[in-house]
């Protein structure tokens, strides 16, 4: 069983892997890490949005708009263009998003039966 907190922790691991792959300059590793990151982020956002709709979260539209912008950013980048600077920008987004956007509704979603 995944909780949203455990998903957030796993996303940190995916960020670390992206950084390692970009630092190694091995494009196949970058492609694999980026594909895994995109897939997990998409699934994570989808799960969050599902539960926000279930609880009729009043800030759902604004929250979903944040997700949509982030998904556009990570979808627009080609693996060859990915850099440590871009990863740092994405990580900074997460560091703001989790406490200021996720936490307000998170107390209602302590545990979610969500699997890949």
N, C-alpha and C. Protein backbone atom coordinates (compact mmCIF):
# COMPACT_ATOMS: atom_id res chain seq x y z
N UNK A 1 0.84 -1.17 0.00
CA UNK A 1 0.00 0.00 0.00
C UNK A 1 0.89 1.25 0.00
N UNK A 2 0.60 2.14 -0.91
CA UNK A 2 1.30 3.42 -1.00
C UNK A 2 0.53 4.47 -0.20
N UNK A 3 1.27 5.32 0.46
CA UNK A 3 0.68 6.56 0.97
C UNK A 3 1.24 7.67 0.10
N UNK A 4 0.60 8.81 0.13
CA UNK A 4 1.15 9.92 -0.66
C UNK A 4 2.52 10.32 -0.12
N UNK A 5 2.72 10.23 1.18
CA UNK A 5 4.04 10.53 1.74
C UNK A 5 5.10 9.57 1.20
N UNK A 6 4.77 8.29 1.13
CA UNK A 6 5.76 7.33 0.62
C UNK A 6 6.00 7.56 -0.88
N UNK A 7 4.99 7.99 -1.60
CA UNK A 7 5.19 8.33 -3.01
C UNK A 7 6.13 9.53 -3.14
N UNK A 8 5.94 10.52 -2.28
CA UNK A 8 6.82 11.69 -2.32
C UNK A 8 8.27 11.29 -2.03
N UNK A 9 8.45 10.38 -1.09
CA UNK A 9 9.81 9.90 -0.78
C UNK A 9 10.39 9.15 -1.96
N UNK A 10 9.59 8.35 -2.62
CA UNK A 10 10.07 7.63 -3.80
C UNK A 10 10.43 8.61 -4.92
N UNK A 11 9.68 9.69 -5.06
CA UNK A 11 10.01 10.70 -6.06
C UNK A 11 11.38 11.31 -5.80
N UNK A 12 11.75 11.47 -4.53
CA UNK A 12 13.09 11.95 -4.19
C UNK A 12 14.13 10.98 -4.75
N UNK A 13 13.87 9.69 -4.61
CA UNK A 13 14.80 8.68 -5.15
C UNK A 13 14.88 8.77 -6.67
N UNK A 14 13.75 9.02 -7.31
CA UNK A 14 13.76 9.18 -8.77
C UNK A 14 14.54 10.42 -9.18
N UNK A 15 14.43 11.51 -8.41
CA UNK A 15 15.23 12.71 -8.67
C UNK A 15 16.72 12.38 -8.56
N UNK A 16 17.08 11.64 -7.51
CA UNK A 16 18.49 11.27 -7.32
C UNK A 16 18.99 10.46 -8.51
N UNK A 17 18.18 9.51 -8.96
CA UNK A 17 18.57 8.69 -10.10
C UNK A 17 18.73 9.54 -11.35
N UNK A 18 17.81 10.47 -11.58
CA UNK A 18 17.93 11.37 -12.73
C UNK A 18 19.25 12.14 -12.67
N UNK A 19 19.57 12.66 -11.50
CA UNK A 19 20.81 13.42 -11.33
C UNK A 19 22.03 12.56 -11.62
N UNK A 20 22.02 11.36 -11.11
CA UNK A 20 23.16 10.44 -11.34
C UNK A 20 23.30 10.15 -12.82
N UNK A 21 22.18 9.86 -13.48
CA UNK A 21 22.23 9.53 -14.91
C UNK A 21 22.69 10.72 -15.74
N UNK A 22 22.21 11.91 -15.42
CA UNK A 22 22.63 13.10 -16.16
C UNK A 22 24.12 13.34 -15.94
N UNK A 23 24.59 13.16 -14.71
CA UNK A 23 26.00 13.36 -14.40
C UNK A 23 26.89 12.37 -15.14
N UNK A 24 26.37 11.17 -15.36
CA UNK A 24 27.15 10.13 -16.05
C UNK A 24 27.21 10.37 -17.55
N UNK A 25 26.30 11.19 -18.06
CA UNK A 25 26.22 11.51 -19.50
C UNK A 25 25.93 10.30 -20.37
N UNK A 26 25.40 9.24 -19.78
CA UNK A 26 25.01 8.07 -20.57
C UNK A 26 23.54 8.24 -20.96
N UNK A 27 23.31 8.51 -22.22
CA UNK A 27 21.98 8.90 -22.69
C UNK A 27 20.94 7.80 -22.48
N UNK A 28 21.34 6.54 -22.59
CA UNK A 28 20.37 5.46 -22.37
C UNK A 28 19.89 5.47 -20.93
N UNK A 29 20.80 5.67 -19.99
CA UNK A 29 20.42 5.75 -18.58
C UNK A 29 19.53 6.95 -18.31
N UNK A 30 19.82 8.08 -18.96
CA UNK A 30 19.00 9.28 -18.81
C UNK A 30 17.60 9.01 -19.34
N UNK A 31 17.51 8.38 -20.51
CA UNK A 31 16.20 8.08 -21.10
C UNK A 31 15.37 7.19 -20.18
N UNK A 32 15.99 6.16 -19.63
CA UNK A 32 15.28 5.23 -18.76
C UNK A 32 14.82 5.95 -17.48
N UNK A 33 15.72 6.71 -16.87
CA UNK A 33 15.39 7.41 -15.63
C UNK A 33 14.29 8.45 -15.87
N UNK A 34 14.37 9.16 -16.98
CA UNK A 34 13.37 10.18 -17.29
C UNK A 34 12.01 9.53 -17.56
N UNK A 35 12.01 8.42 -18.28
CA UNK A 35 10.75 7.70 -18.55
C UNK A 35 10.12 7.23 -17.24
N UNK A 36 10.93 6.66 -16.33
CA UNK A 36 10.40 6.20 -15.04
C UNK A 36 9.86 7.38 -14.23
N UNK A 37 10.59 8.50 -14.24
CA UNK A 37 10.17 9.69 -13.51
C UNK A 37 8.84 10.21 -14.05
N UNK A 38 8.76 10.36 -15.36
CA UNK A 38 7.51 10.86 -15.97
C UNK A 38 6.33 9.95 -15.65
N UNK A 39 6.55 8.66 -15.76
CA UNK A 39 5.48 7.70 -15.52
C UNK A 39 5.00 7.77 -14.07
N UNK A 40 5.94 7.81 -13.14
CA UNK A 40 5.55 7.83 -11.74
C UNK A 40 4.86 9.14 -11.38
N UNK A 41 5.39 10.26 -11.88
CA UNK A 41 4.76 11.56 -11.61
C UNK A 41 3.34 11.57 -12.15
N UNK A 42 3.14 11.08 -13.36
CA UNK A 42 1.81 11.04 -13.96
C UNK A 42 0.86 10.20 -13.10
N UNK A 43 1.31 9.03 -12.68
CA UNK A 43 0.48 8.17 -11.84
C UNK A 43 0.19 8.82 -10.49
N UNK A 44 1.20 9.45 -9.92
CA UNK A 44 1.05 10.10 -8.62
C UNK A 44 0.03 11.23 -8.70
N UNK A 45 0.16 12.09 -9.70
CA UNK A 45 -0.78 13.19 -9.86
C UNK A 45 -2.19 12.67 -10.10
N UNK A 46 -2.30 11.64 -10.90
CA UNK A 46 -3.61 11.06 -11.19
C UNK A 46 -4.27 10.56 -9.91
N UNK A 47 -3.50 9.89 -9.07
CA UNK A 47 -4.04 9.38 -7.80
C UNK A 47 -4.44 10.54 -6.88
N UNK A 48 -3.58 11.54 -6.77
CA UNK A 48 -3.92 12.70 -5.94
C UNK A 48 -5.21 13.35 -6.42
N UNK A 49 -5.29 13.57 -7.70
CA UNK A 49 -6.46 14.25 -8.27
C UNK A 49 -7.73 13.43 -8.06
N UNK A 50 -7.61 12.13 -8.18
CA UNK A 50 -8.76 11.26 -7.94
C UNK A 50 -9.30 11.47 -6.52
N UNK A 51 -8.42 11.45 -5.54
CA UNK A 51 -8.86 11.59 -4.16
C UNK A 51 -9.29 13.00 -3.82
N UNK A 52 -8.70 13.99 -4.48
CA UNK A 52 -9.17 15.36 -4.26
C UNK A 52 -10.61 15.52 -4.78
N UNK A 53 -10.90 14.89 -5.92
CA UNK A 53 -12.27 14.94 -6.44
C UNK A 53 -13.22 14.20 -5.51
N UNK A 54 -12.78 13.06 -4.99
CA UNK A 54 -13.61 12.27 -4.07
C UNK A 54 -14.00 13.08 -2.84
N UNK A 55 -13.06 13.89 -2.35
CA UNK A 55 -13.33 14.67 -1.14
C UNK A 55 -13.87 16.06 -1.46
N UNK A 56 -14.11 16.31 -2.76
CA UNK A 56 -14.64 17.59 -3.21
C UNK A 56 -13.77 18.75 -2.70
N UNK A 57 -12.47 18.60 -2.92
CA UNK A 57 -11.49 19.59 -2.47
C UNK A 57 -11.72 20.92 -3.16
N UNK A 58 -11.91 21.97 -2.40
CA UNK A 58 -12.31 23.26 -2.97
C UNK A 58 -11.24 23.92 -3.83
N UNK A 59 -9.98 23.53 -3.66
CA UNK A 59 -8.90 24.11 -4.46
C UNK A 59 -8.43 23.14 -5.55
N UNK A 60 -9.28 22.19 -5.89
CA UNK A 60 -8.92 21.17 -6.88
C UNK A 60 -8.45 21.79 -8.20
N UNK A 61 -9.18 22.72 -8.75
CA UNK A 61 -8.84 23.28 -10.07
C UNK A 61 -7.46 23.93 -10.06
N UNK A 62 -7.16 24.69 -9.02
CA UNK A 62 -5.85 25.34 -8.93
C UNK A 62 -4.75 24.30 -8.76
N UNK A 63 -5.02 23.28 -7.96
CA UNK A 63 -4.03 22.23 -7.72
C UNK A 63 -3.77 21.45 -9.02
N UNK A 64 -4.84 21.10 -9.71
CA UNK A 64 -4.68 20.37 -10.96
C UNK A 64 -3.92 21.22 -11.98
N UNK A 65 -4.15 22.51 -12.01
CA UNK A 65 -3.42 23.39 -12.93
C UNK A 65 -1.93 23.36 -12.64
N UNK A 66 -1.55 23.29 -11.36
CA UNK A 66 -0.13 23.16 -11.01
C UNK A 66 0.42 21.85 -11.56
N UNK A 67 -0.32 20.78 -11.36
CA UNK A 67 0.10 19.47 -11.87
C UNK A 67 0.26 19.52 -13.40
N UNK A 68 -0.73 20.10 -14.06
CA UNK A 68 -0.70 20.15 -15.53
C UNK A 68 0.52 20.91 -16.03
N UNK A 69 0.85 22.02 -15.38
CA UNK A 69 2.03 22.80 -15.80
C UNK A 69 3.31 21.98 -15.61
N UNK A 70 3.40 21.28 -14.47
CA UNK A 70 4.60 20.48 -14.22
C UNK A 70 4.71 19.35 -15.24
N UNK A 71 3.59 18.70 -15.53
CA UNK A 71 3.60 17.63 -16.53
C UNK A 71 4.01 18.16 -17.90
N UNK A 72 3.56 19.35 -18.25
CA UNK A 72 3.98 19.96 -19.52
C UNK A 72 5.49 20.16 -19.53
N UNK A 73 6.02 20.65 -18.42
CA UNK A 73 7.47 20.89 -18.34
C UNK A 73 8.27 19.61 -18.50
N UNK A 74 7.87 18.56 -17.78
CA UNK A 74 8.66 17.34 -17.86
C UNK A 74 8.44 16.58 -19.16
N UNK A 75 7.31 16.82 -19.82
CA UNK A 75 7.05 16.17 -21.11
C UNK A 75 7.76 16.87 -22.26
N UNK A 76 8.01 18.16 -22.10
CA UNK A 76 8.59 18.95 -23.19
C UNK A 76 10.09 18.74 -23.34
N UNK A 77 10.74 18.27 -22.31
CA UNK A 77 12.21 18.15 -22.34
C UNK A 77 12.63 16.83 -22.98
N UNK A 78 13.60 16.91 -23.85
CA UNK A 78 14.19 15.70 -24.44
C UNK A 78 15.31 15.21 -23.53
N UNK A 79 15.54 13.92 -23.47
CA UNK A 79 16.60 13.41 -22.59
C UNK A 79 17.96 14.08 -22.84
N UNK A 80 18.25 14.39 -24.09
CA UNK A 80 19.54 15.01 -24.42
C UNK A 80 19.65 16.43 -23.88
N UNK A 81 18.51 17.05 -23.60
CA UNK A 81 18.48 18.43 -23.09
C UNK A 81 18.51 18.50 -21.57
N UNK A 82 18.27 17.38 -20.92
CA UNK A 82 18.17 17.36 -19.46
C UNK A 82 19.51 17.69 -18.83
N UNK A 83 19.47 18.58 -17.86
CA UNK A 83 20.70 19.01 -17.18
C UNK A 83 20.47 19.04 -15.68
N UNK A 84 21.54 19.17 -14.95
CA UNK A 84 21.45 19.31 -13.50
C UNK A 84 20.63 20.52 -13.11
N UNK A 85 20.75 21.59 -13.90
CA UNK A 85 19.99 22.81 -13.62
C UNK A 85 18.48 22.58 -13.77
N UNK A 86 18.09 21.86 -14.79
CA UNK A 86 16.66 21.56 -14.99
C UNK A 86 16.15 20.68 -13.85
N UNK A 87 16.91 19.67 -13.49
CA UNK A 87 16.51 18.79 -12.39
C UNK A 87 16.38 19.59 -11.10
N UNK A 88 17.30 20.52 -10.86
CA UNK A 88 17.24 21.36 -9.66
C UNK A 88 15.98 22.23 -9.67
N UNK A 89 15.61 22.73 -10.84
CA UNK A 89 14.38 23.54 -10.96
C UNK A 89 13.16 22.68 -10.65
N UNK A 90 13.13 21.46 -11.19
CA UNK A 90 12.01 20.56 -10.90
C UNK A 90 11.95 20.22 -9.41
N UNK A 91 13.12 19.95 -8.82
CA UNK A 91 13.17 19.61 -7.40
C UNK A 91 12.68 20.78 -6.55
N UNK A 92 13.06 21.99 -6.92
CA UNK A 92 12.61 23.17 -6.18
C UNK A 92 11.09 23.30 -6.26
N UNK A 93 10.53 22.98 -7.42
CA UNK A 93 9.08 23.00 -7.57
C UNK A 93 8.45 22.04 -6.57
N UNK A 94 8.98 20.82 -6.49
CA UNK A 94 8.45 19.83 -5.55
C UNK A 94 8.57 20.28 -4.12
N UNK A 95 9.71 20.89 -3.79
CA UNK A 95 9.93 21.33 -2.41
C UNK A 95 8.94 22.41 -1.99
N UNK A 96 8.43 23.14 -2.95
CA UNK A 96 7.37 24.13 -2.66
C UNK A 96 5.99 23.50 -2.75
N UNK A 97 5.80 22.64 -3.72
CA UNK A 97 4.47 22.06 -3.97
C UNK A 97 3.99 21.20 -2.79
N UNK A 98 4.86 20.36 -2.28
CA UNK A 98 4.43 19.43 -1.22
C UNK A 98 3.94 20.17 0.02
N UNK A 99 4.73 21.08 0.60
CA UNK A 99 4.23 21.71 1.83
C UNK A 99 3.12 22.73 1.62
N UNK A 100 3.12 23.41 0.49
CA UNK A 100 2.16 24.49 0.32
C UNK A 100 0.91 24.09 -0.47
N UNK A 101 1.00 23.06 -1.29
CA UNK A 101 -0.17 22.65 -2.07
C UNK A 101 -0.71 21.29 -1.64
N UNK A 102 0.17 20.35 -1.34
CA UNK A 102 -0.30 19.01 -0.94
C UNK A 102 -0.71 18.94 0.52
N UNK A 103 0.05 19.54 1.38
CA UNK A 103 -0.22 19.40 2.81
C UNK A 103 -1.61 19.88 3.24
N UNK A 104 -2.15 20.96 2.65
CA UNK A 104 -3.49 21.39 3.10
C UNK A 104 -4.59 20.33 2.97
N UNK A 105 -4.51 19.48 1.97
CA UNK A 105 -5.55 18.45 1.86
C UNK A 105 -5.04 17.10 2.37
N UNK A 106 -3.74 16.99 2.59
CA UNK A 106 -3.12 15.72 2.93
C UNK A 106 -3.59 15.09 4.21
N UNK A 107 -3.97 15.89 5.18
CA UNK A 107 -4.41 15.31 6.45
C UNK A 107 -5.66 14.45 6.28
N UNK A 108 -6.39 14.65 5.20
CA UNK A 108 -7.57 13.84 4.90
C UNK A 108 -7.23 12.57 4.13
N UNK A 109 -5.98 12.45 3.71
CA UNK A 109 -5.59 11.31 2.87
C UNK A 109 -4.41 10.57 3.48
N UNK A 110 -4.51 10.21 4.73
CA UNK A 110 -3.38 9.59 5.41
C UNK A 110 -2.89 8.33 4.71
N UNK A 111 -3.79 7.52 4.25
CA UNK A 111 -3.39 6.27 3.63
C UNK A 111 -4.30 5.97 2.45
N UNK A 112 -3.69 5.58 1.37
CA UNK A 112 -4.42 5.31 0.14
C UNK A 112 -4.00 3.96 -0.38
N UNK A 113 -4.96 3.12 -0.74
CA UNK A 113 -4.64 1.84 -1.36
C UNK A 113 -4.43 2.09 -2.84
N UNK A 114 -3.17 2.32 -3.23
CA UNK A 114 -2.83 2.71 -4.58
C UNK A 114 -1.63 1.90 -5.00
N UNK A 115 -1.73 1.19 -6.09
CA UNK A 115 -0.60 0.37 -6.51
C UNK A 115 -0.30 0.64 -7.97
N UNK A 116 0.97 0.40 -8.35
CA UNK A 116 1.39 0.58 -9.76
C UNK A 116 0.90 -0.55 -10.60
